[in-house]
Amino acid sequence: TDGRLPSGQELRDAVAQVDDATGGAPAYFMVNCAHPTHFEGVLDEGGL
């Protein structure tokens, strides 16, 4: 509900970490199993 992964990591940081470690291998990223009210408040910082 705070917009962070259950690990405590920021979503944008997790995306960046995966891209950095894989040379941008994923076709794209998604968010699932959370309501928009849980993460919409952390989206205005960009990087997604």
All heavy atoms as atom14 arrays in JSON, in Angstrom:
{
  "sequence": "TDGRLPSGQELRDAVAQVDDATGGAPAYFMVNCAHPTHFEGVLDEGGL",
  "atom14_mask": [
    [1, 1, 1, 1, 1, 1, 1, 0, 0, 0, 0, 0, 0, 0],
    [1, 1, 1, 1, 1, 1, 1, 1, 0, 0, 0, 0, 0, 0],
    [1, 1, 1, 1, 0, 0, 0, 0, 0, 0, 0, 0, 0, 0],
    [1, 1, 1, 1, 1, 1, 1, 1, 1, 1, 1, 0, 0, 0],
    [1, 1, 1, 1, 1, 1, 1, 1, 0, 0, 0, 0, 0, 0],
    [1, 1, 1, 1, 1, 1, 1, 0, 0, 0, 0, 0, 0, 0],
    [1, 1, 1, 1, 1, 1, 0, 0, 0, 0, 0, 0, 0, 0],
    [1, 1, 1, 1, 0, 0, 0, 0, 0, 0, 0, 0, 0, 0],
    [1, 1, 1, 1, 1, 1, 1, 1, 1, 0, 0, 0, 0, 0],
    [1, 1, 1, 1, 1, 1, 1, 1, 1, 0, 0, 0, 0, 0],
    [1, 1, 1, 1, 1, 1, 1, 1, 0, 0, 0, 0, 0, 0],
    [1, 1, 1, 1, 1, 1, 1, 1, 1, 1, 1, 0, 0, 0],
    [1, 1, 1, 1, 1, 1, 1, 1, 0, 0, 0, 0, 0, 0],
    [1, 1, 1, 1, 1, 0, 0, 0, 0, 0, 0, 0, 0, 0],
    [1, 1, 1, 1, 1, 1, 1, 0, 0, 0, 0, 0, 0, 0],
    [1, 1, 1, 1, 1, 0, 0, 0, 0, 0, 0, 0, 0, 0],
    [1, 1, 1, 1, 1, 1, 1, 1, 1, 0, 0, 0, 0, 0],
    [1, 1, 1, 1, 1, 1, 1, 0, 0, 0, 0, 0, 0, 0],
    [1, 1, 1, 1, 1, 1, 1, 1, 0, 0, 0, 0, 0, 0],
    [1, 1, 1, 1, 1, 1, 1, 1, 0, 0, 0, 0, 0, 0],
    [1, 1, 1, 1, 1, 0, 0, 0, 0, 0, 0, 0, 0, 0],
    [1, 1, 1, 1, 1, 1, 1, 0, 0, 0, 0, 0, 0, 0],
    [1, 1, 1, 1, 0, 0, 0, 0, 0, 0, 0, 0, 0, 0],
    [1, 1, 1, 1, 0, 0, 0, 0, 0, 0, 0, 0, 0, 0],
    [1, 1, 1, 1, 1, 0, 0, 0, 0, 0, 0, 0, 0, 0],
    [1, 1, 1, 1, 1, 1, 1, 0, 0, 0, 0, 0, 0, 0],
    [1, 1, 1, 1, 1, 0, 0, 0, 0, 0, 0, 0, 0, 0],
    [1, 1, 1, 1, 1, 1, 1, 1, 1, 1, 1, 1, 0, 0],
    [1, 1, 1, 1, 1, 1, 1, 1, 1, 1, 1, 0, 0, 0],
    [1, 1, 1, 1, 1, 1, 1, 1, 0, 0, 0, 0, 0, 0],
    [1, 1, 1, 1, 1, 1, 1, 0, 0, 0, 0, 0, 0, 0],
    [1, 1, 1, 1, 1, 1, 1, 1, 0, 0, 0, 0, 0, 0],
    [1, 1, 1, 1, 1, 1, 0, 0, 0, 0, 0, 0, 0, 0],
    [1, 1, 1, 1, 1, 0, 0, 0, 0, 0, 0, 0, 0, 0],
    [1, 1, 1, 1, 1, 1, 1, 1, 1, 1, 0, 0, 0, 0],
    [1, 1, 1, 1, 1, 1, 1, 0, 0, 0, 0, 0, 0, 0],
    [1, 1, 1, 1, 1, 1, 1, 0, 0, 0, 0, 0, 0, 0],
    [1, 1, 1, 1, 1, 1, 1, 1, 1, 1, 0, 0, 0, 0],
    [1, 1, 1, 1, 1, 1, 1, 1, 1, 1, 1, 0, 0, 0],
    [1, 1, 1, 1, 1, 1, 1, 1, 1, 0, 0, 0, 0, 0],
    [1, 1, 1, 1, 0, 0, 0, 0, 0, 0, 0, 0, 0, 0],
    [1, 1, 1, 1, 1, 1, 1, 0, 0, 0, 0, 0, 0, 0],
    [1, 1, 1, 1, 1, 1, 1, 1, 0, 0, 0, 0, 0, 0],
    [1, 1, 1, 1, 1, 1, 1, 1, 0, 0, 0, 0, 0, 0],
    [1, 1, 1, 1, 1, 1, 1, 1, 1, 0, 0, 0, 0, 0],
    [1, 1, 1, 1, 0, 0, 0, 0, 0, 0, 0, 0, 0, 0],
    [1, 1, 1, 1, 0, 0, 0, 0, 0, 0, 0, 0, 0, 0],
    [1, 1, 1, 1, 1, 1, 1, 1, 0, 0, 0, 0, 0, 0]
  ],
  "atom14_positions": [
    [[0.8, -1.22, 0.0], [0.0, 0.0, 0.0], [0.83, 1.26, 0.0], [0.32, 2.35, -0.27], [-0.95, 0.02, 1.22], [-0.18, -0.14, 2.42], [-1.96, -1.11, 1.13], [0.0, 0.0, 0.0], [0.0, 0.0, 0.0], [0.0, 0.0, 0.0], [0.0, 0.0, 0.0], [0.0, 0.0, 0.0], [0.0, 0.0, 0.0], [0.0, 0.0, 0.0]],
    [[2.14, 1.14, 0.29], [3.03, 2.3, 0.23], [3.72, 2.45, -1.12], [4.58, 3.31, -1.3], [4.09, 2.23, 1.34], [4.99, 0.99, 1.24], [4.8, 0.18, 0.31], [5.87, 0.84, 2.11], [0.0, 0.0, 0.0], [0.0, 0.0, 0.0], [0.0, 0.0, 0.0], [0.0, 0.0, 0.0], [0.0, 0.0, 0.0], [0.0, 0.0, 0.0]],
    [[3.35, 1.61, -2.08], [3.92, 1.7, -3.41], [5.27, 1.01, -3.56], [5.85, 1.02, -4.65], [0.0, 0.0, 0.0], [0.0, 0.0, 0.0], [0.0, 0.0, 0.0], [0.0, 0.0, 0.0], [0.0, 0.0, 0.0], [0.0, 0.0, 0.0], [0.0, 0.0, 0.0], [0.0, 0.0, 0.0], [0.0, 0.0, 0.0], [0.0, 0.0, 0.0]],
    [[5.78, 0.42, -2.49], [7.05, -0.29, -2.54], [6.83, -1.8, -2.7], [5.78, -2.32, -2.32], [7.86, -0.05, -1.25], [8.34, 1.38, -1.06], [8.98, 1.53, 0.32], [9.55, 2.86, 0.51], [10.82, 3.18, 0.31], [11.67, 2.23, -0.08], [11.26, 4.41, 0.49], [0.0, 0.0, 0.0], [0.0, 0.0, 0.0], [0.0, 0.0, 0.0]],
    [[7.82, -2.48, -3.25], [7.77, -3.93, -3.3], [7.73, -4.48, -1.87], [8.17, -3.8, -0.92], [9.0, -4.48, -4.01], [8.96, -4.6, -5.55], [8.8, -3.24, -6.21], [10.21, -5.32, -6.05], [0.0, 0.0, 0.0], [0.0, 0.0, 0.0], [0.0, 0.0, 0.0], [0.0, 0.0, 0.0], [0.0, 0.0, 0.0], [0.0, 0.0, 0.0]],
    [[7.22, -5.7, -1.67], [7.26, -6.3, -0.33], [8.67, -6.37, 0.25], [8.84, -6.42, 1.47], [6.69, -7.7, -0.57], [5.72, -7.51, -1.7], [6.4, -6.5, -2.6], [0.0, 0.0, 0.0], [0.0, 0.0, 0.0], [0.0, 0.0, 0.0], [0.0, 0.0, 0.0], [0.0, 0.0, 0.0], [0.0, 0.0, 0.0], [0.0, 0.0, 0.0]],
    [[9.68, -6.35, -0.6], [11.06, -6.31, -0.12], [11.43, -4.96, 0.47], [12.48, -4.82, 1.11], [12.02, -6.62, -1.28], [11.96, -5.58, -2.27], [0.0, 0.0, 0.0], [0.0, 0.0, 0.0], [0.0, 0.0, 0.0], [0.0, 0.0, 0.0], [0.0, 0.0, 0.0], [0.0, 0.0, 0.0], [0.0, 0.0, 0.0], [0.0, 0.0, 0.0]],
    [[10.59, -3.95, 0.24], [10.87, -2.6, 0.72], [11.48, -1.7, -0.34], [11.61, -0.49, -0.13], [0.0, 0.0, 0.0], [0.0, 0.0, 0.0], [0.0, 0.0, 0.0], [0.0, 0.0, 0.0], [0.0, 0.0, 0.0], [0.0, 0.0, 0.0], [0.0, 0.0, 0.0], [0.0, 0.0, 0.0], [0.0, 0.0, 0.0], [0.0, 0.0, 0.0]],
    [[11.83, -2.25, -1.48], [12.48, -1.48, -2.54], [11.46, -0.65, -3.31], [10.32, -1.06, -3.53], [13.2, -2.43, -3.5], [14.07, -1.72, -4.54], [14.83, -2.72, -5.41], [14.4, -3.85, -5.61], [15.99, -2.3, -5.9], [0.0, 0.0, 0.0], [0.0, 0.0, 0.0], [0.0, 0.0, 0.0], [0.0, 0.0, 0.0], [0.0, 0.0, 0.0]],
    [[11.88, 0.54, -3.74], [11.04, 1.36, -4.6], [10.84, 0.66, -5.95], [11.75, 0.02, -6.47], [11.69, 2.73, -4.84], [11.77, 3.61, -3.62], [10.49, 4.4, -3.39], [9.52, 4.19, -4.15], [10.47, 5.22, -2.45], [0.0, 0.0, 0.0], [0.0, 0.0, 0.0], [0.0, 0.0, 0.0], [0.0, 0.0, 0.0], [0.0, 0.0, 0.0]],
    [[9.67, 0.81, -6.52], [9.35, 0.17, -7.8], [10.33, 0.6, -8.88], [10.86, -0.24, -9.62], [7.91, 0.52, -8.21], [7.46, 0.02, -9.59], [7.52, -1.5, -9.67], [6.05, 0.52, -9.88], [0.0, 0.0, 0.0], [0.0, 0.0, 0.0], [0.0, 0.0, 0.0], [0.0, 0.0, 0.0], [0.0, 0.0, 0.0], [0.0, 0.0, 0.0]],
    [[10.59, 1.9, -8.99], [11.49, 2.39, -10.04], [12.91, 1.83, -9.86], [13.59, 1.55, -10.84], [11.51, 3.92, -10.08], [12.02, 4.59, -8.82], [12.03, 6.11, -8.96], [10.78, 6.63, -9.51], [9.67, 6.82, -8.8], [9.66, 6.49, -7.5], [8.59, 7.29, -9.34], [0.0, 0.0, 0.0], [0.0, 0.0, 0.0], [0.0, 0.0, 0.0]],
    [[13.32, 1.66, -8.61], [14.65, 1.12, -8.36], [14.73, -0.36, -8.74], [15.75, -0.83, -9.24], [15.03, 1.31, -6.89], [15.2, 2.77, -6.51], [15.43, 3.6, -7.43], [15.11, 3.09, -5.31], [0.0, 0.0, 0.0], [0.0, 0.0, 0.0], [0.0, 0.0, 0.0], [0.0, 0.0, 0.0], [0.0, 0.0, 0.0], [0.0, 0.0, 0.0]],
    [[13.65, -1.09, -8.5], [13.63, -2.5, -8.86], [13.69, -2.66, -10.38], [14.41, -3.52, -10.9], [12.37, -3.16, -8.31], [0.0, 0.0, 0.0], [0.0, 0.0, 0.0], [0.0, 0.0, 0.0], [0.0, 0.0, 0.0], [0.0, 0.0, 0.0], [0.0, 0.0, 0.0], [0.0, 0.0, 0.0], [0.0, 0.0, 0.0], [0.0, 0.0, 0.0]],
    [[12.93, -1.84, -11.1], [12.95, -1.87, -12.56], [14.36, -1.57, -13.07], [14.9, -2.27, -13.94], [11.93, -0.89, -13.15], [12.13, -0.72, -14.65], [10.51, -1.34, -12.84], [0.0, 0.0, 0.0], [0.0, 0.0, 0.0], [0.0, 0.0, 0.0], [0.0, 0.0, 0.0], [0.0, 0.0, 0.0], [0.0, 0.0, 0.0], [0.0, 0.0, 0.0]],
    [[14.96, -0.53, -12.52], [16.32, -0.14, -12.94], [17.33, -1.23, -12.63], [18.23, -1.5, -13.43], [16.71, 1.17, -12.27], [0.0, 0.0, 0.0], [0.0, 0.0, 0.0], [0.0, 0.0, 0.0], [0.0, 0.0, 0.0], [0.0, 0.0, 0.0], [0.0, 0.0, 0.0], [0.0, 0.0, 0.0], [0.0, 0.0, 0.0], [0.0, 0.0, 0.0]],
    [[17.18, -1.88, -11.47], [18.13, -2.93, -11.09], [18.05, -4.1, -12.06], [19.08, -4.66, -12.47], [17.84, -3.41, -9.67], [18.84, -4.47, -9.18], [18.56, -4.92, -7.76], [17.81, -4.27, -7.01], [19.12, -6.04, -7.35], [0.0, 0.0, 0.0], [0.0, 0.0, 0.0], [0.0, 0.0, 0.0], [0.0, 0.0, 0.0], [0.0, 0.0, 0.0]],
    [[16.83, -4.5, -12.43], [16.67, -5.62, -13.37], [17.26, -5.25, -14.73], [17.99, -6.05, -15.34], [15.19, -6.01, -13.5], [15.02, -7.08, -14.59], [14.64, -6.52, -12.18], [0.0, 0.0, 0.0], [0.0, 0.0, 0.0], [0.0, 0.0, 0.0], [0.0, 0.0, 0.0], [0.0, 0.0, 0.0], [0.0, 0.0, 0.0], [0.0, 0.0, 0.0]],
    [[16.95, -4.06, -15.2], [17.5, -3.64, -16.49], [19.02, -3.58, -16.47], [19.69, -4.03, -17.41], [16.92, -2.27, -16.88], [15.69, -2.39, -17.76], [15.44, -3.48, -18.3], [14.98, -1.37, -17.91], [0.0, 0.0, 0.0], [0.0, 0.0, 0.0], [0.0, 0.0, 0.0], [0.0, 0.0, 0.0], [0.0, 0.0, 0.0], [0.0, 0.0, 0.0]],
    [[19.58, -3.04, -15.39], [21.04, -2.93, -15.29], [21.7, -4.31, -15.26], [22.76, -4.52, -15.87], [21.43, -2.15, -14.03], [21.1, -0.68, -14.13], [20.84, -0.2, -15.26], [21.09, 0.0, -13.09], [0.0, 0.0, 0.0], [0.0, 0.0, 0.0], [0.0, 0.0, 0.0], [0.0, 0.0, 0.0], [0.0, 0.0, 0.0], [0.0, 0.0, 0.0]],
    [[21.08, -5.26, -14.56], [21.68, -6.58, -14.38], [21.5, -7.48, -15.59], [22.19, -8.5, -15.71], [21.09, -7.25, -13.15], [0.0, 0.0, 0.0], [0.0, 0.0, 0.0], [0.0, 0.0, 0.0], [0.0, 0.0, 0.0], [0.0, 0.0, 0.0], [0.0, 0.0, 0.0], [0.0, 0.0, 0.0], [0.0, 0.0, 0.0], [0.0, 0.0, 0.0]],
    [[20.57, -7.13, -16.48], [20.26, -8.0, -17.62], [20.5, -7.34, -18.96], [20.19, -7.93, -20.0], [18.8, -8.47, -17.56], [17.93, -7.33, -17.72], [18.49, -9.18, -16.26], [0.0, 0.0, 0.0], [0.0, 0.0, 0.0], [0.0, 0.0, 0.0], [0.0, 0.0, 0.0], [0.0, 0.0, 0.0], [0.0, 0.0, 0.0], [0.0, 0.0, 0.0]],
    [[21.04, -6.13, -18.95], [21.21, -5.42, -20.21], [19.89, -5.06, -20.87], [19.79, -5.04, -22.1], [0.0, 0.0, 0.0], [0.0, 0.0, 0.0], [0.0, 0.0, 0.0], [0.0, 0.0, 0.0], [0.0, 0.0, 0.0], [0.0, 0.0, 0.0], [0.0, 0.0, 0.0], [0.0, 0.0, 0.0], [0.0, 0.0, 0.0], [0.0, 0.0, 0.0]],
    [[18.89, -4.77, -20.04], [17.57, -4.4, -20.58], [16.86, -5.56, -21.25], [16.1, -5.37, -22.2], [0.0, 0.0, 0.0], [0.0, 0.0, 0.0], [0.0, 0.0, 0.0], [0.0, 0.0, 0.0], [0.0, 0.0, 0.0], [0.0, 0.0, 0.0], [0.0, 0.0, 0.0], [0.0, 0.0, 0.0], [0.0, 0.0, 0.0], [0.0, 0.0, 0.0]],
    [[17.06, -6.79, -20.73], [16.51, -7.98, -21.38], [14.99, -8.04, -21.42], [14.43, -8.47, -22.44], [17.06, -9.23, -20.7], [0.0, 0.0, 0.0], [0.0, 0.0, 0.0], [0.0, 0.0, 0.0], [0.0, 0.0, 0.0], [0.0, 0.0, 0.0], [0.0, 0.0, 0.0], [0.0, 0.0, 0.0], [0.0, 0.0, 0.0], [0.0, 0.0, 0.0]],
    [[14.26, -7.65, -20.37], [12.79, -7.77, -20.45], [12.19, -6.92, -21.57], [12.65, -5.8, -21.83], [12.32, -7.27, -19.08], [13.5, -7.5, -18.18], [14.69, -7.22, -19.03], [0.0, 0.0, 0.0], [0.0, 0.0, 0.0], [0.0, 0.0, 0.0], [0.0, 0.0, 0.0], [0.0, 0.0, 0.0], [0.0, 0.0, 0.0], [0.0, 0.0, 0.0]],
    [[11.18, -7.47, -22.22], [10.48, -6.7, -23.24], [9.83, -5.47, -22.62], [9.85, -4.39, -23.21], [9.42, -7.58, -23.92], [0.0, 0.0, 0.0], [0.0, 0.0, 0.0], [0.0, 0.0, 0.0], [0.0, 0.0, 0.0], [0.0, 0.0, 0.0], [0.0, 0.0, 0.0], [0.0, 0.0, 0.0], [0.0, 0.0, 0.0], [0.0, 0.0, 0.0]],
    [[9.26, -5.65, -21.44], [8.7, -4.53, -20.69], [8.4, -5.01, -19.27], [8.55, -6.19, -18.96], [7.44, -3.95, -21.34], [6.28, -4.89, -21.55], [5.31, -5.07, -20.57], [6.12, -5.58, -22.75], [4.23, -5.91, -20.77], [5.04, -6.43, -22.97], [4.09, -6.59, -21.97], [3.02, -7.44, -22.17], [0.0, 0.0, 0.0], [0.0, 0.0, 0.0]],
    [[7.99, -4.07, -18.44], [7.64, -4.36, -17.05], [6.16, -4.1, -16.82], [5.52, -3.35, -17.57], [8.46, -3.5, -16.09], [9.92, -3.85, -16.04], [10.8, -3.36, -17.0], [10.42, -4.67, -15.04], [12.15, -3.68, -16.97], [11.77, -4.99, -15.0], [12.63, -4.5, -15.97], [0.0, 0.0, 0.0], [0.0, 0.0, 0.0], [0.0, 0.0, 0.0]],
    [[5.64, -4.74, -15.78], [4.26, -4.54, -15.38], [4.18, -4.39, -13.85], [5.12, -4.7, -13.13], [3.38, -5.74, -15.8], [3.14, -5.86, -17.29], [2.13, -7.31, -17.74], [0.88, -7.33, -16.47], [0.0, 0.0, 0.0], [0.0, 0.0, 0.0], [0.0, 0.0, 0.0], [0.0, 0.0, 0.0], [0.0, 0.0, 0.0], [0.0, 0.0, 0.0]],
    [[3.0, -3.95, -13.4], [2.63, -4.02, -11.99], [1.36, -4.85, -11.93], [0.44, -4.63, -12.72], [2.38, -2.62, -11.4], [1.93, -2.74, -9.94], [3.61, -1.74, -11.5], [0.0, 0.0, 0.0], [0.0, 0.0, 0.0], [0.0, 0.0, 0.0], [0.0, 0.0, 0.0], [0.0, 0.0, 0.0], [0.0, 0.0, 0.0], [0.0, 0.0, 0.0]],
    [[1.31, -5.8, -11.0], [0.07, -6.56, -10.84], [-0.19, -6.84, -9.37], [0.69, -6.67, -8.52], [0.11, -7.88, -11.64], [0.84, -9.0, -10.95], [2.07, -8.97, -10.84], [0.12, -10.02, -10.5], [0.0, 0.0, 0.0], [0.0, 0.0, 0.0], [0.0, 0.0, 0.0], [0.0, 0.0, 0.0], [0.0, 0.0, 0.0], [0.0, 0.0, 0.0]],
    [[-1.43, -7.24, -9.08], [-1.84, -7.63, -7.73], [-1.7, -6.5, -6.71], [-1.25, -6.7, -5.58], [-1.07, -8.87, -7.27], [-2.02, -9.91, -6.14], [0.0, 0.0, 0.0], [0.0, 0.0, 0.0], [0.0, 0.0, 0.0], [0.0, 0.0, 0.0], [0.0, 0.0, 0.0], [0.0, 0.0, 0.0], [0.0, 0.0, 0.0], [0.0, 0.0, 0.0]],
    [[-2.09, -5.29, -7.12], [-2.15, -4.14, -6.22], [-3.17, -3.17, -6.8], [-3.35, -3.11, -8.02], [-0.79, -3.46, -6.1], [0.0, 0.0, 0.0], [0.0, 0.0, 0.0], [0.0, 0.0, 0.0], [0.0, 0.0, 0.0], [0.0, 0.0, 0.0], [0.0, 0.0, 0.0], [0.0, 0.0, 0.0], [0.0, 0.0, 0.0], [0.0, 0.0, 0.0]],
    [[-3.86, -2.44, -5.96], [-4.84, -1.45, -6.42], [-4.12, -0.15, -6.77], [-3.11, 0.19, -6.14], [-5.88, -1.2, -5.33], [-7.09, -0.45, -5.8], [-7.16, 0.92, -5.76], [-8.26, -0.89, -6.33], [-8.35, 1.3, -6.23], [-9.03, 0.23, -6.58], [0.0, 0.0, 0.0], [0.0, 0.0, 0.0], [0.0, 0.0, 0.0], [0.0, 0.0, 0.0]],
    [[-4.62, 0.6, -7.75], [-3.96, 1.87, -8.11], [-3.75, 2.81, -6.93], [-2.76, 3.56, -6.92], [-4.91, 2.47, -9.15], [-5.51, 1.28, -9.82], [-5.71, 0.27, -8.71], [0.0, 0.0, 0.0], [0.0, 0.0, 0.0], [0.0, 0.0, 0.0], [0.0, 0.0, 0.0], [0.0, 0.0, 0.0], [0.0, 0.0, 0.0], [0.0, 0.0, 0.0]],
    [[-4.65, 2.78, -5.94], [-4.47, 3.66, -4.79], [-3.21, 3.32, -4.0], [-2.73, 4.13, -3.2], [-5.68, 3.6, -3.85], [-5.91, 2.24, -3.44], [-6.93, 4.12, -4.54], [0.0, 0.0, 0.0], [0.0, 0.0, 0.0], [0.0, 0.0, 0.0], [0.0, 0.0, 0.0], [0.0, 0.0, 0.0], [0.0, 0.0, 0.0], [0.0, 0.0, 0.0]],
    [[-2.69, 2.12, -4.2], [-1.48, 1.71, -3.47], [-0.21, 2.32, -4.04], [0.78, 2.44, -3.32], [-1.34, 0.17, -3.49], [-2.46, -0.54, -2.82], [-2.62, -1.92, -2.88], [-3.51, -0.07, -2.08], [-3.7, -2.26, -2.2], [-4.25, -1.17, -1.72], [0.0, 0.0, 0.0], [0.0, 0.0, 0.0], [0.0, 0.0, 0.0], [0.0, 0.0, 0.0]],
    [[-0.24, 2.66, -5.32], [1.02, 3.11, -5.93], [0.92, 4.4, -6.73], [1.94, 4.94, -7.13], [1.61, 2.01, -6.83], [0.69, 1.53, -7.92], [0.62, 2.19, -9.13], [-0.1, 0.41, -7.74], [-0.22, 1.75, -10.14], [-0.95, -0.04, -8.73], [-1.0, 0.64, -9.94], [0.0, 0.0, 0.0], [0.0, 0.0, 0.0], [0.0, 0.0, 0.0]],
    [[-0.29, 4.93, -6.95], [-0.39, 6.12, -7.78], [0.3, 7.32, -7.15], [0.75, 8.23, -7.85], [-1.86, 6.43, -8.1], [-2.75, 6.64, -6.89], [-4.23, 6.67, -7.25], [-4.56, 6.45, -8.44], [-5.06, 6.89, -6.34], [0.0, 0.0, 0.0], [0.0, 0.0, 0.0], [0.0, 0.0, 0.0], [0.0, 0.0, 0.0], [0.0, 0.0, 0.0]],
    [[0.43, 7.31, -5.83], [1.06, 8.42, -5.14], [2.57, 8.49, -5.31], [3.18, 9.51, -4.98], [0.0, 0.0, 0.0], [0.0, 0.0, 0.0], [0.0, 0.0, 0.0], [0.0, 0.0, 0.0], [0.0, 0.0, 0.0], [0.0, 0.0, 0.0], [0.0, 0.0, 0.0], [0.0, 0.0, 0.0], [0.0, 0.0, 0.0], [0.0, 0.0, 0.0]],
    [[3.19, 7.42, -5.82], [4.65, 7.42, -5.98], [5.05, 7.5, -7.45], [6.24, 7.38, -7.77], [5.29, 6.17, -5.34], [4.92, 6.08, -3.86], [4.87, 4.89, -6.06], [0.0, 0.0, 0.0], [0.0, 0.0, 0.0], [0.0, 0.0, 0.0], [0.0, 0.0, 0.0], [0.0, 0.0, 0.0], [0.0, 0.0, 0.0], [0.0, 0.0, 0.0]],
    [[4.09, 7.71, -8.33], [4.39, 7.69, -9.76], [4.86, 9.02, -10.32], [5.46, 9.07, -11.4], [3.16, 7.23, -10.55], [2.64, 5.82, -10.27], [1.44, 5.51, -11.15], [3.73, 4.78, -10.46], [0.0, 0.0, 0.0], [0.0, 0.0, 0.0], [0.0, 0.0, 0.0], [0.0, 0.0, 0.0], [0.0, 0.0, 0.0], [0.0, 0.0, 0.0]],
    [[4.61, 10.11, -9.6], [4.91, 11.43, -10.16], [6.4, 11.76, -10.13], [6.81, 12.81, -10.63], [4.11, 12.53, -9.44], [4.34, 12.57, -7.95], [5.09, 11.69, -7.45], [3.77, 13.44, -7.29], [0.0, 0.0, 0.0], [0.0, 0.0, 0.0], [0.0, 0.0, 0.0], [0.0, 0.0, 0.0], [0.0, 0.0, 0.0], [0.0, 0.0, 0.0]],
    [[7.21, 10.86, -9.59], [8.65, 11.11, -9.57], [9.33, 10.64, -10.85], [10.53, 10.84, -11.04], [9.28, 10.4, -8.37], [8.74, 10.92, -7.02], [9.27, 10.11, -5.85], [10.25, 9.36, -6.05], [8.71, 10.22, -4.75], [0.0, 0.0, 0.0], [0.0, 0.0, 0.0], [0.0, 0.0, 0.0], [0.0, 0.0, 0.0], [0.0, 0.0, 0.0]],
    [[8.58, 9.98, -11.74], [9.14, 9.54, -13.02], [9.97, 8.29, -12.9], [9.99, 7.61, -11.88], [0.0, 0.0, 0.0], [0.0, 0.0, 0.0], [0.0, 0.0, 0.0], [0.0, 0.0, 0.0], [0.0, 0.0, 0.0], [0.0, 0.0, 0.0], [0.0, 0.0, 0.0], [0.0, 0.0, 0.0], [0.0, 0.0, 0.0], [0.0, 0.0, 0.0]],
    [[10.66, 7.97, -14.0], [11.53, 6.81, -14.02], [10.85, 5.5, -14.28], [11.44, 4.43, -14.07], [0.0, 0.0, 0.0], [0.0, 0.0, 0.0], [0.0, 0.0, 0.0], [0.0, 0.0, 0.0], [0.0, 0.0, 0.0], [0.0, 0.0, 0.0], [0.0, 0.0, 0.0], [0.0, 0.0, 0.0], [0.0, 0.0, 0.0], [0.0, 0.0, 0.0]],
    [[9.6, 5.54, -14.76], [8.86, 4.31, -14.98], [8.42, 4.16, -16.43], [7.37, 3.59, -16.72], [7.65, 4.24, -14.04], [8.0, 4.11, -12.56], [6.76, 4.27, -11.7], [8.67, 2.77, -12.27], [0.0, 0.0, 0.0], [0.0, 0.0, 0.0], [0.0, 0.0, 0.0], [0.0, 0.0, 0.0], [0.0, 0.0, 0.0], [0.0, 0.0, 0.0]]
  ]
}
